[in-house]
Amino acid sequence: MNRKFSSCIGRRGAQGASALESRSTRSRVRSNGFTLMELLIVMAIIAILMLIAIPTVGSLTKRADDLSAIQSIRAIQQAEMQYESTYPANGYACSLTALGGDPSAGAPSPVAAQMLQGDLTSGFKSGYVFSIGNCTKVTVNSIDRFTGYSVTAVPQTVGKSGDRGFCSDQFGTIKADPAGGTNCTQLLQ
């Protein structure tokens, strides 16, 4: 009977050992990775965070484009003042290309004064379209002298690249058009 009892314990002990091995194998499988449910929860959280962040990034981009347009108008105004003092017989420049020019092409001239960078003289920068117009011309001794100008910056796509249009003139006051056009009535502060 002792023998039967010990053989029975031996079998149960072997079964117990295999059950223990089986449990440890299962626990090892679980510890090697994430479950599908855990991955889906993490992906859902990431998607929610992206949905919150995307509109914020868009509005920040538009705000940065607005600020870039304002700074570009200030740069054009400074270039106009410098142009007018460098070429007093011509007055102000009536085009962005006259304020620009390639420094490697030779000395500055009234048609290429080399006072603005190329990205701004192209008329397109940071989602805005820039232009100089409404030039006031006076003819003295058969020479045209521009005594006034207006510079405008309008978004390439209103609502996407910017919300407001910006305008200025030879007096240096920058105004905004909330509709994104050139009817600038609001003073910038």
C-alpha atoms as a PDB file:
ATOM      1  CA  MET A   1       0.000   0.000   0.000  1.00  0.00           C
ATOM      2  CA  ASN A   2       2.866   2.244   0.658  1.00  0.00           C
ATOM      3  CA  ARG A   3       4.139   1.523  -2.761  1.00  0.00           C
ATOM      4  CA  LYS A   4       0.780   2.338  -4.371  1.00  0.00           C
ATOM      5  CA  PHE A   5       0.553   5.511  -2.390  1.00  0.00           C
ATOM      6  CA  SER A   6       4.038   6.606  -3.363  1.00  0.00           C
ATOM      7  CA  SER A   7       3.462   5.785  -7.031  1.00  0.00           C
ATOM      8  CA  CYS A   8       0.205   7.715  -6.900  1.00  0.00           C
ATOM      9  CA  ILE A   9       1.989  10.691  -5.363  1.00  0.00           C
ATOM     10  CA  GLY A  10       4.670  10.353  -7.984  1.00  0.00           C
ATOM     11  CA  ARG A  11       2.078  10.580 -10.758  1.00  0.00           C
ATOM     12  CA  ARG A  12       0.346  13.515  -9.123  1.00  0.00           C
ATOM     13  CA  GLY A  13       3.657  15.206  -8.552  1.00  0.00           C
ATOM     14  CA  ALA A  14       4.501  14.804 -12.228  1.00  0.00           C
ATOM     15  CA  GLN A  15       1.102  16.152 -13.189  1.00  0.00           C
ATOM     16  CA  GLY A  16       1.584  19.041 -10.807  1.00  0.00           C
ATOM     17  CA  ALA A  17       4.987  19.771 -12.293  1.00  0.00           C
ATOM     18  CA  SER A  18       3.587  19.762 -15.836  1.00  0.00           C
ATOM     19  CA  ALA A  19       0.734  22.040 -14.727  1.00  0.00           C
ATOM     20  CA  LEU A  20       3.288  24.381 -13.182  1.00  0.00           C
ATOM     21  CA  GLU A  21       5.312  24.392 -16.403  1.00  0.00           C
ATOM     22  CA  SER A  22       2.147  25.042 -18.404  1.00  0.00           C
ATOM     23  CA  ARG A  23       1.305  28.082 -16.227  1.00  0.00           C
ATOM     24  CA  SER A  24       4.789  29.512 -16.501  1.00  0.00           C
ATOM     25  CA  THR A  25       4.735  29.035 -20.282  1.00  0.00           C
ATOM     26  CA  ARG A  26       1.419  30.931 -20.487  1.00  0.00           C
ATOM     27  CA  SER A  27       2.735  33.742 -18.344  1.00  0.00           C
ATOM     28  CA  ARG A  28       5.832  33.982 -20.535  1.00  0.00           C
ATOM     29  CA  VAL A  29       3.648  34.314 -23.632  1.00  0.00           C
ATOM     30  CA  ARG A  30       1.694  37.176 -22.129  1.00  0.00           C
ATOM     31  CA  SER A  31       4.771  39.060 -21.022  1.00  0.00           C
ATOM     32  CA  ASN A  32       6.294  39.073 -24.520  1.00  0.00           C
ATOM     33  CA  GLY A  33       3.891  41.643 -26.036  1.00  0.00           C
ATOM     34  CA  PHE A  34       0.711  43.650 -25.848  1.00  0.00           C
ATOM     35  CA  THR A  35      -2.738  42.301 -26.406  1.00  0.00           C
ATOM     36  CA  LEU A  36      -4.809  43.486 -29.334  1.00  0.00           C
ATOM     37  CA  MET A  37      -7.120  45.358 -26.979  1.00  0.00           C
ATOM     38  CA  GLU A  38      -4.215  47.271 -25.420  1.00  0.00           C
ATOM     39  CA  LEU A  39      -2.919  48.261 -28.850  1.00  0.00           C
ATOM     40  CA  LEU A  40      -6.373  49.443 -29.950  1.00  0.00           C
ATOM     41  CA  ILE A  41      -6.729  51.583 -26.830  1.00  0.00           C
ATOM     42  CA  VAL A  42      -3.336  53.212 -27.395  1.00  0.00           C
ATOM     43  CA  MET A  43      -4.186  53.866 -31.059  1.00  0.00           C
ATOM     44  CA  ALA A  44      -7.512  55.439 -30.061  1.00  0.00           C
ATOM     45  CA  ILE A  45      -5.768  57.755 -27.590  1.00  0.00           C
ATOM     46  CA  ILE A  46      -3.235  58.803 -30.239  1.00  0.00           C
ATOM     47  CA  ALA A  47      -6.045  59.472 -32.740  1.00  0.00           C
ATOM     48  CA  ILE A  48      -7.892  61.658 -30.231  1.00  0.00           C
ATOM     49  CA  LEU A  49      -4.743  63.655 -29.480  1.00  0.00           C
ATOM     50  CA  MET A  50      -4.132  64.158 -33.201  1.00  0.00           C
ATOM     51  CA  LEU A  51      -7.679  65.405 -33.731  1.00  0.00           C
ATOM     52  CA  ILE A  52      -7.131  67.942 -30.976  1.00  0.00           C
ATOM     53  CA  ALA A  53      -3.687  69.023 -32.261  1.00  0.00           C
ATOM     54  CA  ILE A  54      -4.367  69.344 -36.012  1.00  0.00           C
ATOM     55  CA  PRO A  55      -6.653  72.426 -35.843  1.00  0.00           C
ATOM     56  CA  THR A  56      -4.219  74.068 -33.435  1.00  0.00           C
ATOM     57  CA  VAL A  57      -1.322  73.547 -35.837  1.00  0.00           C
ATOM     58  CA  GLY A  58      -3.363  75.027 -38.695  1.00  0.00           C
ATOM     59  CA  SER A  59      -4.235  78.146 -36.740  1.00  0.00           C
ATOM     60  CA  LEU A  60      -0.621  78.539 -35.617  1.00  0.00           C
ATOM     61  CA  THR A  61       0.527  78.293 -39.231  1.00  0.00           C
ATOM     62  CA  LYS A  62      -1.937  80.982 -40.323  1.00  0.00           C
ATOM     63  CA  ARG A  63      -0.829  83.212 -37.460  1.00  0.00           C
ATOM     64  CA  ALA A  64       2.823  82.740 -38.422  1.00  0.00           C
ATOM     65  CA  ASP A  65       2.000  83.578 -42.052  1.00  0.00           C
ATOM     66  CA  ASP A  66       0.173  86.738 -40.908  1.00  0.00           C
ATOM     67  CA  LEU A  67       3.176  87.852 -38.852  1.00  0.00           C
ATOM     68  CA  SER A  68       5.519  87.065 -41.744  1.00  0.00           C
ATOM     69  CA  ALA A  69       3.379  89.200 -44.071  1.00  0.00           C
ATOM     70  CA  ILE A  70       3.465  92.131 -41.650  1.00  0.00           C
ATOM     71  CA  GLN A  71       7.250  91.864 -41.300  1.00  0.00           C
ATOM     72  CA  SER A  72       7.611  91.619 -45.074  1.00  0.00           C
ATOM     73  CA  ILE A  73       5.583  94.796 -45.556  1.00  0.00           C
ATOM     74  CA  ARG A  74       7.873  96.531 -43.056  1.00  0.00           C
ATOM     75  CA  ALA A  75      10.904  95.273 -45.011  1.00  0.00           C
ATOM     76  CA  ILE A  76       9.391  96.620 -48.242  1.00  0.00           C
ATOM     77  CA  GLN A  77       8.754  99.996 -46.563  1.00  0.00           C
ATOM     78  CA  GLN A  78      12.353 100.190 -45.378  1.00  0.00           C
ATOM     79  CA  ALA A  79      13.603  99.241 -48.835  1.00  0.00           C
ATOM     80  CA  GLU A  80      11.367 101.935 -50.366  1.00  0.00           C
ATOM     81  CA  MET A  81      12.769 104.599 -48.021  1.00  0.00           C
ATOM     82  CA  GLN A  82      16.308 103.477 -48.821  1.00  0.00           C
ATOM     83  CA  TYR A  83      15.527 103.402 -52.567  1.00  0.00           C
ATOM     84  CA  GLU A  84      14.062 106.913 -52.440  1.00  0.00           C
ATOM     85  CA  SER A  85      17.155 108.278 -50.678  1.00  0.00           C
ATOM     86  CA  THR A  86      19.578 106.381 -52.953  1.00  0.00           C
ATOM     87  CA  TYR A  87      17.814 107.319 -56.224  1.00  0.00           C
ATOM     88  CA  PRO A  88      16.127 110.672 -55.456  1.00  0.00           C
ATOM     89  CA  ALA A  89      15.514 111.414 -59.142  1.00  0.00           C
ATOM     90  CA  ASN A  90      13.336 108.277 -59.366  1.00  0.00           C
ATOM     91  CA  GLY A  91      11.547 108.639 -56.030  1.00  0.00           C
ATOM     92  CA  TYR A  92      10.013 105.385 -54.847  1.00  0.00           C
ATOM     93  CA  ALA A  93      10.181 102.081 -56.690  1.00  0.00           C
ATOM     94  CA  CYS A  94       6.926 101.033 -58.301  1.00  0.00           C
ATOM     95  CA  SER A  95       7.728  97.303 -58.433  1.00  0.00           C
ATOM     96  CA  LEU A  96       9.199  94.653 -56.194  1.00  0.00           C
ATOM     97  CA  THR A  97      11.688  93.675 -58.900  1.00  0.00           C
ATOM     98  CA  ALA A  98      13.168  97.189 -58.840  1.00  0.00           C
ATOM     99  CA  LEU A  99      13.823  96.754 -55.108  1.00  0.00           C
ATOM    100  CA  GLY A 100      15.397  93.333 -55.662  1.00  0.00           C
ATOM    101  CA  GLY A 101      18.140  92.091 -57.890  1.00  0.00           C
ATOM    102  CA  ASP A 102      20.963  89.616 -57.864  1.00  0.00           C
ATOM    103  CA  PRO A 103      24.139  90.901 -56.151  1.00  0.00           C
ATOM    104  CA  SER A 104      26.291  88.732 -58.436  1.00  0.00           C
ATOM    105  CA  ALA A 105      24.832  90.465 -61.521  1.00  0.00           C
ATOM    106  CA  GLY A 106      26.758  93.666 -60.902  1.00  0.00           C
ATOM    107  CA  ALA A 107      26.346  96.962 -59.124  1.00  0.00           C
ATOM    108  CA  PRO A 108      22.930  98.086 -57.843  1.00  0.00           C
ATOM    109  CA  SER A 109      20.877 100.242 -60.178  1.00  0.00           C
ATOM    110  CA  PRO A 110      17.410 101.846 -60.205  1.00  0.00           C
ATOM    111  CA  VAL A 111      15.983  98.752 -61.967  1.00  0.00           C
ATOM    112  CA  ALA A 112      17.725  96.281 -59.619  1.00  0.00           C
ATOM    113  CA  ALA A 113      18.549  98.059 -56.366  1.00  0.00           C
ATOM    114  CA  GLN A 114      19.398  94.848 -54.444  1.00  0.00           C
ATOM    115  CA  MET A 115      17.556  96.005 -51.322  1.00  0.00           C
ATOM    116  CA  LEU A 116      15.154  93.060 -50.896  1.00  0.00           C
ATOM    117  CA  GLN A 117      15.727  89.328 -50.805  1.00  0.00           C
ATOM    118  CA  GLY A 118      14.704  87.226 -53.781  1.00  0.00           C
ATOM    119  CA  ASP A 119      11.855  85.382 -52.041  1.00  0.00           C
ATOM    120  CA  LEU A 120      10.068  88.673 -51.424  1.00  0.00           C
ATOM    121  CA  THR A 121      10.788  90.243 -54.814  1.00  0.00           C
ATOM    122  CA  SER A 122       9.120  87.244 -56.476  1.00  0.00           C
ATOM    123  CA  GLY A 123       5.846  88.443 -54.933  1.00  0.00           C
ATOM    124  CA  PHE A 124       5.107  85.194 -53.063  1.00  0.00           C
ATOM    125  CA  LYS A 125       6.177  84.479 -49.506  1.00  0.00           C
ATOM    126  CA  SER A 126       4.717  82.427 -46.636  1.00  0.00           C
ATOM    127  CA  GLY A 127       1.295  81.971 -48.212  1.00  0.00           C
ATOM    128  CA  TYR A 128       0.890  85.641 -49.181  1.00  0.00           C
ATOM    129  CA  VAL A 129       1.011  87.516 -52.486  1.00  0.00           C
ATOM    130  CA  PHE A 130       2.794  90.881 -52.368  1.00  0.00           C
ATOM    131  CA  SER A 131       2.543  93.739 -54.838  1.00  0.00           C
ATOM    132  CA  ILE A 132       3.320  97.421 -55.153  1.00  0.00           C
ATOM    133  CA  GLY A 133       0.770  99.553 -56.948  1.00  0.00           C
ATOM    134  CA  ASN A 134      -1.119 102.848 -57.001  1.00  0.00           C
ATOM    135  CA  CYS A 135       2.111 104.659 -57.743  1.00  0.00           C
ATOM    136  CA  THR A 136       1.778 108.433 -57.866  1.00  0.00           C
ATOM    137  CA  LYS A 137       3.962 109.788 -60.646  1.00  0.00           C
ATOM    138  CA  VAL A 138       5.209 113.310 -61.264  1.00  0.00           C
ATOM    139  CA  THR A 139       7.083 114.139 -64.475  1.00  0.00           C
ATOM    140  CA  VAL A 140       9.845 116.726 -64.138  1.00  0.00           C
ATOM    141  CA  ASN A 141      12.156 117.487 -67.087  1.00  0.00           C
ATOM    142  CA  SER A 142      10.969 114.354 -68.899  1.00  0.00           C
ATOM    143  CA  ILE A 143      11.891 112.174 -65.909  1.00  0.00           C
ATOM    144  CA  ASP A 144       9.195 110.245 -64.057  1.00  0.00           C
ATOM    145  CA  ARG A 145       9.481 110.485 -60.301  1.00  0.00           C
ATOM    146  CA  PHE A 146       7.227 108.360 -58.109  1.00  0.00           C
ATOM    147  CA  THR A 147       6.083 110.296 -55.050  1.00  0.00           C
ATOM    148  CA  GLY A 148       3.723 107.695 -53.595  1.00  0.00           C
ATOM    149  CA  TYR A 149       2.978 103.987 -53.602  1.00  0.00           C
ATOM    150  CA  SER A 150       0.944 101.361 -51.825  1.00  0.00           C
ATOM    151  CA  VAL A 151       2.069  97.857 -50.941  1.00  0.00           C
ATOM    152  CA  THR A 152      -0.411  95.032 -50.432  1.00  0.00           C
ATOM    153  CA  ALA A 153      -0.178  91.508 -49.062  1.00  0.00           C
ATOM    154  CA  VAL A 154      -3.147  89.188 -49.562  1.00  0.00           C
ATOM    155  CA  PRO A 155      -3.414  85.491 -48.681  1.00  0.00           C
ATOM    156  CA  GLN A 156      -3.006  83.078 -51.587  1.00  0.00           C
ATOM    157  CA  THR A 157      -6.071  81.241 -50.249  1.00  0.00           C
ATOM    158  CA  VAL A 158      -8.197  83.191 -47.785  1.00  0.00           C
ATOM    159  CA  GLY A 159      -8.910  81.067 -44.722  1.00  0.00           C
ATOM    160  CA  LYS A 160      -6.136  78.592 -45.466  1.00  0.00           C
ATOM    161  CA  SER A 161      -2.869  80.521 -45.833  1.00  0.00           C
ATOM    162  CA  GLY A 162      -4.178  83.559 -43.959  1.00  0.00           C
ATOM    163  CA  ASP A 163      -7.324  85.373 -42.912  1.00  0.00           C
ATOM    164  CA  ARG A 164      -6.417  89.042 -43.330  1.00  0.00           C
ATOM    165  CA  GLY A 165      -5.001  91.213 -46.077  1.00  0.00           C
ATOM    166  CA  PHE A 166      -2.469  93.925 -45.258  1.00  0.00           C
ATOM    167  CA  CYS A 167      -1.760  97.306 -46.855  1.00  0.00           C
ATOM    168  CA  SER A 168       0.619 100.180 -46.373  1.00  0.00           C
ATOM    169  CA  ASP A 169       1.829 103.264 -48.232  1.00  0.00           C
ATOM    170  CA  GLN A 170       4.659 105.779 -48.248  1.00  0.00           C
ATOM    171  CA  PHE A 171       3.503 107.118 -44.866  1.00  0.00           C
ATOM    172  CA  GLY A 172       4.315 103.801 -43.173  1.00  0.00           C
ATOM    173  CA  THR A 173       1.004 102.949 -41.520  1.00  0.00           C
ATOM    174  CA  ILE A 174       0.092  99.279 -41.840  1.00  0.00           C
ATOM    175  CA  LYS A 175      -3.614  98.489 -42.012  1.00  0.00           C
ATOM    176  CA  ALA A 176      -5.515  95.216 -42.274  1.00  0.00           C
ATOM    177  CA  ASP A 177      -8.527  93.954 -44.198  1.00  0.00           C
ATOM    178  CA  PRO A 178     -10.327  91.297 -42.127  1.00  0.00           C
ATOM    179  CA  ALA A 179     -11.884  89.839 -45.294  1.00  0.00           C
ATOM    180  CA  GLY A 180      -8.451  89.030 -46.736  1.00  0.00           C
ATOM    181  CA  GLY A 181      -8.530  91.604 -49.534  1.00  0.00           C
ATOM    182  CA  THR A 182      -6.997  95.014 -50.163  1.00  0.00           C
ATOM    183  CA  ASN A 183      -9.745  97.160 -48.564  1.00  0.00           C
ATOM    184  CA  CYS A 184      -7.580  97.843 -45.525  1.00  0.00           C
ATOM    185  CA  THR A 185      -9.400  99.894 -42.898  1.00  0.00           C
ATOM    186  CA  GLN A 186      -8.233  98.507 -39.533  1.00  0.00           C
ATOM    187  CA  LEU A 187      -5.038  99.883 -38.021  1.00  0.00           C
ATOM    188  CA  LEU A 188      -2.590  97.300 -36.681  1.00  0.00           C
ATOM    189  CA  GLN A 189      -1.491  97.785 -33.134  1.00  0.00           C
END
